[in-house]
Amino acid sequence: MIKAVLWDFGGVLTTSPFDSFTRFEKERGLPENFIRRINSTNPDTNAWAKFERSDVTLDEFDKLFEIESEALGHSIAGIEIIKLLAGDVRPRMVQALKNCREKFNCTCLTNNVAAGKGPGMTRDAMAQAEVKDVMAIFNQVIESSKIGLRKPDPRIYEFACSEMGVTADEVVYLDDLGINLKPASAMGMKTIKVISEDQALRDLEEAVGISLS
């Protein structure tokens, strides 16, 4: 029986930062998916991983990311990437969250960094307020930058289950990255890869057995 719904934030409740990455790459004449290639090189020890665990400061991340990007052929300051992270809130997904919240423990599990304003990593005051309103819907918010663990480390899913007071097989988990879903699925969670809003809402309705519209 499902007792909890675990939500990623960026790419699930907001538009994906990958869209912003793509626009940035086109504007700068960079190879397609270049930023994602940087972030997937040495994924547990690179600048991005360290920043999401708060192992480095913003200034340190800025320099480390630039070094890593330059090593792959194109120099990009880390601070430029931070500016691309905040997506736009998806109202239909927020409504689904509200409906789920009435029946299930709803927790946000997000890889984020100690930059911008708030857990949504936005740098705009108006967007910050919108993200804050969404975050207030959750029973709790678990942030990688605050606990020193990041997805897909299996320990962060164990931590989330402990915080929610449930076992893995009682959880539905939504994320837009398959790499983050695999360890959760292996633990017994019902996982949903968010590719589009329509698809995610259909899959979530099927998983929890209630209408979300």
C-alpha atoms as a PDB file:
ATOM      1  CA  MET A   1       0.000   0.000   0.000  1.00  0.00           C
ATOM      2  CA  ILE A   2       1.362   3.406  -0.965  1.00  0.00           C
ATOM      3  CA  LYS A   3       1.816   5.748   1.993  1.00  0.00           C
ATOM      4  CA  ALA A   4       4.181   8.393   0.625  1.00  0.00           C
ATOM      5  CA  VAL A   5       5.016  10.246  -2.572  1.00  0.00           C
ATOM      6  CA  LEU A   6       8.601  11.420  -2.957  1.00  0.00           C
ATOM      7  CA  TRP A   7       9.109  14.287  -5.383  1.00  0.00           C
ATOM      8  CA  ASP A   8      12.166  15.615  -7.135  1.00  0.00           C
ATOM      9  CA  PHE A   9      11.840  19.374  -7.715  1.00  0.00           C
ATOM     10  CA  GLY A  10      13.666  20.623 -10.815  1.00  0.00           C
ATOM     11  CA  GLY A  11      12.359  18.891 -13.926  1.00  0.00           C
ATOM     12  CA  VAL A  12       9.286  17.600 -12.065  1.00  0.00           C
ATOM     13  CA  LEU A  13       7.519  20.493 -10.355  1.00  0.00           C
ATOM     14  CA  THR A  14       9.391  22.970 -12.537  1.00  0.00           C
ATOM     15  CA  THR A  15      10.610  22.905 -16.095  1.00  0.00           C
ATOM     16  CA  SER A  16      13.949  21.177 -16.557  1.00  0.00           C
ATOM     17  CA  PRO A  17      17.199  23.129 -16.264  1.00  0.00           C
ATOM     18  CA  PHE A  18      18.361  21.039 -19.224  1.00  0.00           C
ATOM     19  CA  ASP A  19      16.217  23.289 -21.431  1.00  0.00           C
ATOM     20  CA  SER A  20      18.219  26.256 -20.171  1.00  0.00           C
ATOM     21  CA  PHE A  21      21.456  24.349 -20.748  1.00  0.00           C
ATOM     22  CA  THR A  22      20.444  23.732 -24.372  1.00  0.00           C
ATOM     23  CA  ARG A  23      19.663  27.410 -24.970  1.00  0.00           C
ATOM     24  CA  PHE A  24      22.975  28.432 -23.381  1.00  0.00           C
ATOM     25  CA  GLU A  25      24.911  25.991 -25.571  1.00  0.00           C
ATOM     26  CA  LYS A  26      23.251  27.281 -28.727  1.00  0.00           C
ATOM     27  CA  GLU A  27      23.885  30.898 -27.768  1.00  0.00           C
ATOM     28  CA  ARG A  28      27.565  30.196 -27.047  1.00  0.00           C
ATOM     29  CA  GLY A  29      28.150  27.883 -30.015  1.00  0.00           C
ATOM     30  CA  LEU A  30      28.956  24.959 -27.713  1.00  0.00           C
ATOM     31  CA  PRO A  31      28.508  21.276 -28.612  1.00  0.00           C
ATOM     32  CA  GLU A  32      25.079  19.846 -27.856  1.00  0.00           C
ATOM     33  CA  ASN A  33      24.806  18.440 -24.299  1.00  0.00           C
ATOM     34  CA  PHE A  34      28.260  19.793 -23.432  1.00  0.00           C
ATOM     35  CA  ILE A  35      27.185  20.930 -19.946  1.00  0.00           C
ATOM     36  CA  ARG A  36      25.617  17.563 -19.201  1.00  0.00           C
ATOM     37  CA  ARG A  37      28.855  15.891 -20.328  1.00  0.00           C
ATOM     38  CA  ILE A  38      30.819  17.971 -17.825  1.00  0.00           C
ATOM     39  CA  ASN A  39      28.411  17.034 -15.040  1.00  0.00           C
ATOM     40  CA  SER A  40      28.519  13.328 -15.927  1.00  0.00           C
ATOM     41  CA  THR A  41      32.328  13.137 -15.990  1.00  0.00           C
ATOM     42  CA  ASN A  42      33.515  11.767 -12.622  1.00  0.00           C
ATOM     43  CA  PRO A  43      29.909  12.183 -11.365  1.00  0.00           C
ATOM     44  CA  ASP A  44      30.643  11.443  -7.696  1.00  0.00           C
ATOM     45  CA  THR A  45      33.706  13.648  -7.323  1.00  0.00           C
ATOM     46  CA  ASN A  46      33.360  16.482  -9.848  1.00  0.00           C
ATOM     47  CA  ALA A  47      32.643  20.118  -9.000  1.00  0.00           C
ATOM     48  CA  TRP A  48      28.913  19.659  -9.362  1.00  0.00           C
ATOM     49  CA  ALA A  49      28.776  16.677  -6.992  1.00  0.00           C
ATOM     50  CA  LYS A  50      30.905  18.486  -4.430  1.00  0.00           C
ATOM     51  CA  PHE A  51      28.724  21.583  -4.577  1.00  0.00           C
ATOM     52  CA  GLU A  52      25.485  19.607  -4.186  1.00  0.00           C
ATOM     53  CA  ARG A  53      26.923  18.057  -1.017  1.00  0.00           C
ATOM     54  CA  SER A  54      28.205  21.471   0.161  1.00  0.00           C
ATOM     55  CA  ASP A  55      31.762  20.158   0.114  1.00  0.00           C
ATOM     56  CA  VAL A  56      32.858  23.358  -1.672  1.00  0.00           C
ATOM     57  CA  THR A  57      31.775  26.993  -1.609  1.00  0.00           C
ATOM     58  CA  LEU A  58      30.247  28.870  -4.532  1.00  0.00           C
ATOM     59  CA  ASP A  59      33.584  30.504  -5.312  1.00  0.00           C
ATOM     60  CA  GLU A  60      35.351  27.152  -5.236  1.00  0.00           C
ATOM     61  CA  PHE A  61      32.694  25.599  -7.461  1.00  0.00           C
ATOM     62  CA  ASP A  62      33.019  28.495  -9.904  1.00  0.00           C
ATOM     63  CA  LYS A  63      36.726  27.818 -10.360  1.00  0.00           C
ATOM     64  CA  LEU A  64      36.521  24.000 -10.310  1.00  0.00           C
ATOM     65  CA  PHE A  65      33.766  23.916 -12.919  1.00  0.00           C
ATOM     66  CA  GLU A  66      35.737  26.231 -15.181  1.00  0.00           C
ATOM     67  CA  ILE A  67      38.764  23.940 -14.935  1.00  0.00           C
ATOM     68  CA  GLU A  68      36.665  20.852 -15.716  1.00  0.00           C
ATOM     69  CA  SER A  69      34.907  22.481 -18.670  1.00  0.00           C
ATOM     70  CA  GLU A  70      38.200  23.745 -20.082  1.00  0.00           C
ATOM     71  CA  ALA A  71      39.638  20.241 -19.865  1.00  0.00           C
ATOM     72  CA  LEU A  72      36.794  19.091 -22.135  1.00  0.00           C
ATOM     73  CA  GLY A  73      37.475  21.814 -24.665  1.00  0.00           C
ATOM     74  CA  HIS A  74      35.407  24.876 -23.731  1.00  0.00           C
ATOM     75  CA  SER A  75      35.876  27.100 -20.685  1.00  0.00           C
ATOM     76  CA  ILE A  76      32.692  27.991 -18.760  1.00  0.00           C
ATOM     77  CA  ALA A  77      32.643  29.707 -15.380  1.00  0.00           C
ATOM     78  CA  GLY A  78      30.609  27.775 -12.815  1.00  0.00           C
ATOM     79  CA  ILE A  79      28.616  30.859 -11.874  1.00  0.00           C
ATOM     80  CA  GLU A  80      27.212  30.944 -15.419  1.00  0.00           C
ATOM     81  CA  ILE A  81      25.714  27.501 -14.854  1.00  0.00           C
ATOM     82  CA  ILE A  82      24.177  28.466 -11.517  1.00  0.00           C
ATOM     83  CA  LYS A  83      22.207  31.184 -13.308  1.00  0.00           C
ATOM     84  CA  LEU A  84      20.587  28.518 -15.504  1.00  0.00           C
ATOM     85  CA  LEU A  85      19.228  26.262 -12.769  1.00  0.00           C
ATOM     86  CA  ALA A  86      15.890  27.765 -11.795  1.00  0.00           C
ATOM     87  CA  GLY A  87      12.987  26.540 -13.960  1.00  0.00           C
ATOM     88  CA  ASP A  88       9.402  27.714 -14.213  1.00  0.00           C
ATOM     89  CA  VAL A  89       6.822  26.217 -11.842  1.00  0.00           C
ATOM     90  CA  ARG A  90       4.386  23.799 -13.513  1.00  0.00           C
ATOM     91  CA  PRO A  91       0.869  24.576 -12.184  1.00  0.00           C
ATOM     92  CA  ARG A  92      -0.629  21.195 -13.115  1.00  0.00           C
ATOM     93  CA  MET A  93       2.092  19.339 -11.253  1.00  0.00           C
ATOM     94  CA  VAL A  94       1.620  21.607  -8.251  1.00  0.00           C
ATOM     95  CA  GLN A  95      -2.112  20.803  -8.251  1.00  0.00           C
ATOM     96  CA  ALA A  96      -1.258  17.102  -8.367  1.00  0.00           C
ATOM     97  CA  LEU A  97       1.020  17.617  -5.370  1.00  0.00           C
ATOM     98  CA  LYS A  98      -1.807  19.322  -3.465  1.00  0.00           C
ATOM     99  CA  ASN A  99      -4.177  16.458  -4.229  1.00  0.00           C
ATOM    100  CA  CYS A 100      -1.609  13.860  -3.179  1.00  0.00           C
ATOM    101  CA  ARG A 101      -0.871  15.791   0.006  1.00  0.00           C
ATOM    102  CA  GLU A 102      -4.438  15.198   1.175  1.00  0.00           C
ATOM    103  CA  LYS A 103      -3.899  11.419   1.291  1.00  0.00           C
ATOM    104  CA  PHE A 104      -0.152  10.759   1.400  1.00  0.00           C
ATOM    105  CA  ASN A 105       3.036  11.941   3.034  1.00  0.00           C
ATOM    106  CA  CYS A 106       4.535  14.165   0.345  1.00  0.00           C
ATOM    107  CA  THR A 107       8.240  14.913   0.659  1.00  0.00           C
ATOM    108  CA  CYS A 108      10.582  16.772  -1.676  1.00  0.00           C
ATOM    109  CA  LEU A 109      13.970  15.145  -2.266  1.00  0.00           C
ATOM    110  CA  THR A 110      16.174  17.512  -4.220  1.00  0.00           C
ATOM    111  CA  ASN A 111      19.783  17.736  -5.264  1.00  0.00           C
ATOM    112  CA  ASN A 112      20.513  21.444  -4.952  1.00  0.00           C
ATOM    113  CA  VAL A 113      23.318  23.837  -4.185  1.00  0.00           C
ATOM    114  CA  ALA A 114      23.876  26.583  -1.649  1.00  0.00           C
ATOM    115  CA  ALA A 115      23.400  29.337  -4.219  1.00  0.00           C
ATOM    116  CA  GLY A 116      20.509  31.466  -5.372  1.00  0.00           C
ATOM    117  CA  LYS A 117      17.542  31.965  -3.074  1.00  0.00           C
ATOM    118  CA  GLY A 118      15.882  29.006  -1.431  1.00  0.00           C
ATOM    119  CA  PRO A 119      15.702  25.288  -2.283  1.00  0.00           C
ATOM    120  CA  GLY A 120      14.572  26.006  -5.829  1.00  0.00           C
ATOM    121  CA  MET A 121      17.904  27.789  -6.441  1.00  0.00           C
ATOM    122  CA  THR A 122      16.167  30.762  -8.062  1.00  0.00           C
ATOM    123  CA  ARG A 123      17.975  34.101  -8.266  1.00  0.00           C
ATOM    124  CA  ASP A 124      14.803  36.167  -8.787  1.00  0.00           C
ATOM    125  CA  ALA A 125      12.702  37.453  -5.845  1.00  0.00           C
ATOM    126  CA  MET A 126       9.341  36.855  -7.545  1.00  0.00           C
ATOM    127  CA  ALA A 127      10.289  33.348  -8.608  1.00  0.00           C
ATOM    128  CA  GLN A 128      11.620  32.725  -5.107  1.00  0.00           C
ATOM    129  CA  ALA A 129       8.219  33.534  -3.627  1.00  0.00           C
ATOM    130  CA  GLU A 130       6.520  31.142  -6.063  1.00  0.00           C
ATOM    131  CA  VAL A 131       8.929  28.344  -5.187  1.00  0.00           C
ATOM    132  CA  LYS A 132       8.449  29.038  -1.471  1.00  0.00           C
ATOM    133  CA  ASP A 133       4.681  28.597  -1.876  1.00  0.00           C
ATOM    134  CA  VAL A 134       5.224  25.210  -3.535  1.00  0.00           C
ATOM    135  CA  MET A 135       7.704  24.083  -0.888  1.00  0.00           C
ATOM    136  CA  ALA A 136       5.156  24.910   1.821  1.00  0.00           C
ATOM    137  CA  ILE A 137       2.848  22.199   0.448  1.00  0.00           C
ATOM    138  CA  PHE A 138       5.266  19.384   1.308  1.00  0.00           C
ATOM    139  CA  ASN A 139       5.340  17.596   4.644  1.00  0.00           C
ATOM    140  CA  GLN A 140       9.097  18.157   4.516  1.00  0.00           C
ATOM    141  CA  VAL A 141      11.886  19.107   2.139  1.00  0.00           C
ATOM    142  CA  ILE A 142      15.171  17.178   2.030  1.00  0.00           C
ATOM    143  CA  GLU A 143      18.009  19.084   0.342  1.00  0.00           C
ATOM    144  CA  SER A 144      21.342  17.554  -0.630  1.00  0.00           C
ATOM    145  CA  SER A 145      23.176  20.776   0.205  1.00  0.00           C
ATOM    146  CA  LYS A 146      21.916  20.602   3.801  1.00  0.00           C
ATOM    147  CA  ILE A 147      22.401  16.921   4.625  1.00  0.00           C
ATOM    148  CA  GLY A 148      25.642  16.250   2.728  1.00  0.00           C
ATOM    149  CA  LEU A 149      24.179  13.410   0.635  1.00  0.00           C
ATOM    150  CA  ARG A 150      23.036  13.567  -2.972  1.00  0.00           C
ATOM    151  CA  LYS A 151      21.129  11.402  -5.385  1.00  0.00           C
ATOM    152  CA  PRO A 152      21.843   8.735  -6.597  1.00  0.00           C
ATOM    153  CA  ASP A 153      23.664   7.713  -3.382  1.00  0.00           C
ATOM    154  CA  PRO A 154      21.417   4.952  -1.914  1.00  0.00           C
ATOM    155  CA  ARG A 155      21.882   6.459   1.534  1.00  0.00           C
ATOM    156  CA  ILE A 156      19.799   9.494   0.652  1.00  0.00           C
ATOM    157  CA  TYR A 157      16.797   7.288  -0.164  1.00  0.00           C
ATOM    158  CA  GLU A 158      17.260   5.407   3.085  1.00  0.00           C
ATOM    159  CA  PHE A 159      17.387   8.762   4.870  1.00  0.00           C
ATOM    160  CA  ALA A 160      14.190   9.897   3.131  1.00  0.00           C
ATOM    161  CA  CYS A 161      12.324   6.720   4.091  1.00  0.00           C
ATOM    162  CA  SER A 162      13.453   7.109   7.696  1.00  0.00           C
ATOM    163  CA  GLU A 163      12.305  10.739   7.755  1.00  0.00           C
ATOM    164  CA  MET A 164       8.921   9.805   6.278  1.00  0.00           C
ATOM    165  CA  GLY A 165       8.497   6.816   8.590  1.00  0.00           C
ATOM    166  CA  VAL A 166       7.829   4.380   5.739  1.00  0.00           C
ATOM    167  CA  THR A 167       9.487   1.462   3.995  1.00  0.00           C
ATOM    168  CA  ALA A 168      10.684   1.724   0.410  1.00  0.00           C
ATOM    169  CA  ASP A 169       7.839  -0.409  -0.960  1.00  0.00           C
ATOM    170  CA  GLU A 170       5.350   2.113   0.417  1.00  0.00           C
ATOM    171  CA  VAL A 171       6.794   4.976  -1.689  1.00  0.00           C
ATOM    172  CA  VAL A 172       6.144   6.362  -5.160  1.00  0.00           C
ATOM    173  CA  TYR A 173       9.098   8.447  -6.343  1.00  0.00           C
ATOM    174  CA  LEU A 174       9.128  10.922  -9.258  1.00  0.00           C
ATOM    175  CA  ASP A 175      12.341  12.173 -10.855  1.00  0.00           C
ATOM    176  CA  ASP A 176      13.337  13.300 -14.334  1.00  0.00           C
ATOM    177  CA  LEU A 177      16.676  11.456 -14.242  1.00  0.00           C
ATOM    178  CA  GLY A 178      16.845   7.713 -14.668  1.00  0.00           C
ATOM    179  CA  ILE A 179      20.161   7.538 -12.835  1.00  0.00           C
ATOM    180  CA  ASN A 180      18.418   8.838  -9.713  1.00  0.00           C
ATOM    181  CA  LEU A 181      15.530   6.399 -10.031  1.00  0.00           C
ATOM    182  CA  LYS A 182      17.568   3.194 -10.358  1.00  0.00           C
ATOM    183  CA  PRO A 183      18.762   2.920  -6.718  1.00  0.00           C
ATOM    184  CA  ALA A 184      15.299   3.789  -5.444  1.00  0.00           C
ATOM    185  CA  SER A 185      13.722   1.126  -7.635  1.00  0.00           C
ATOM    186  CA  ALA A 186      16.290  -1.406  -6.450  1.00  0.00           C
ATOM    187  CA  MET A 187      15.238  -0.639  -2.870  1.00  0.00           C
ATOM    188  CA  GLY A 188      11.612  -1.368  -3.731  1.00  0.00           C
ATOM    189  CA  MET A 189      10.147   2.064  -4.506  1.00  0.00           C
ATOM    190  CA  LYS A 190       7.640   2.489  -7.319  1.00  0.00           C
ATOM    191  CA  THR A 191       9.450   4.924  -9.619  1.00  0.00           C
ATOM    192  CA  ILE A 192       8.197   7.300 -12.299  1.00  0.00           C
ATOM    193  CA  LYS A 193      10.533   8.935 -14.794  1.00  0.00           C
ATOM    194  CA  VAL A 194       9.092  12.338 -15.641  1.00  0.00           C
ATOM    195  CA  ILE A 195       9.373  12.904 -19.366  1.00  0.00           C
ATOM    196  CA  SER A 196       6.359  15.177 -19.778  1.00  0.00           C
ATOM    197  CA  GLU A 197       3.598  16.548 -17.571  1.00  0.00           C
ATOM    198  CA  ASP A 198       0.862  14.489 -19.234  1.00  0.00           C
ATOM    199  CA  GLN A 199       2.846  11.277 -18.932  1.00  0.00           C
ATOM    200  CA  ALA A 200       3.847  11.968 -15.322  1.00  0.00           C
ATOM    201  CA  LEU A 201       0.298  12.736 -14.262  1.00  0.00           C
ATOM    202  CA  ARG A 202      -1.040   9.571 -15.909  1.00  0.00           C
ATOM    203  CA  ASP A 203       1.624   7.409 -14.298  1.00  0.00           C
ATOM    204  CA  LEU A 204       1.152   9.019 -10.901  1.00  0.00           C
ATOM    205  CA  GLU A 205      -2.633   8.605 -10.987  1.00  0.00           C
ATOM    206  CA  GLU A 206      -2.150   4.925 -11.777  1.00  0.00           C
ATOM    207  CA  ALA A 207       0.398   4.496  -8.994  1.00  0.00           C
ATOM    208  CA  VAL A 208      -1.575   6.181  -6.206  1.00  0.00           C
ATOM    209  CA  GLY A 209      -5.083   5.309  -7.375  1.00  0.00           C
ATOM    210  CA  ILE A 210      -6.654   8.754  -7.108  1.00  0.00           C
ATOM    211  CA  SER A 211      -7.632  11.479  -9.552  1.00  0.00           C
ATOM    212  CA  LEU A 212      -5.104  14.292  -9.730  1.00  0.00           C
ATOM    213  CA  SER A 213      -6.903  16.685 -12.077  1.00  0.00           C
END
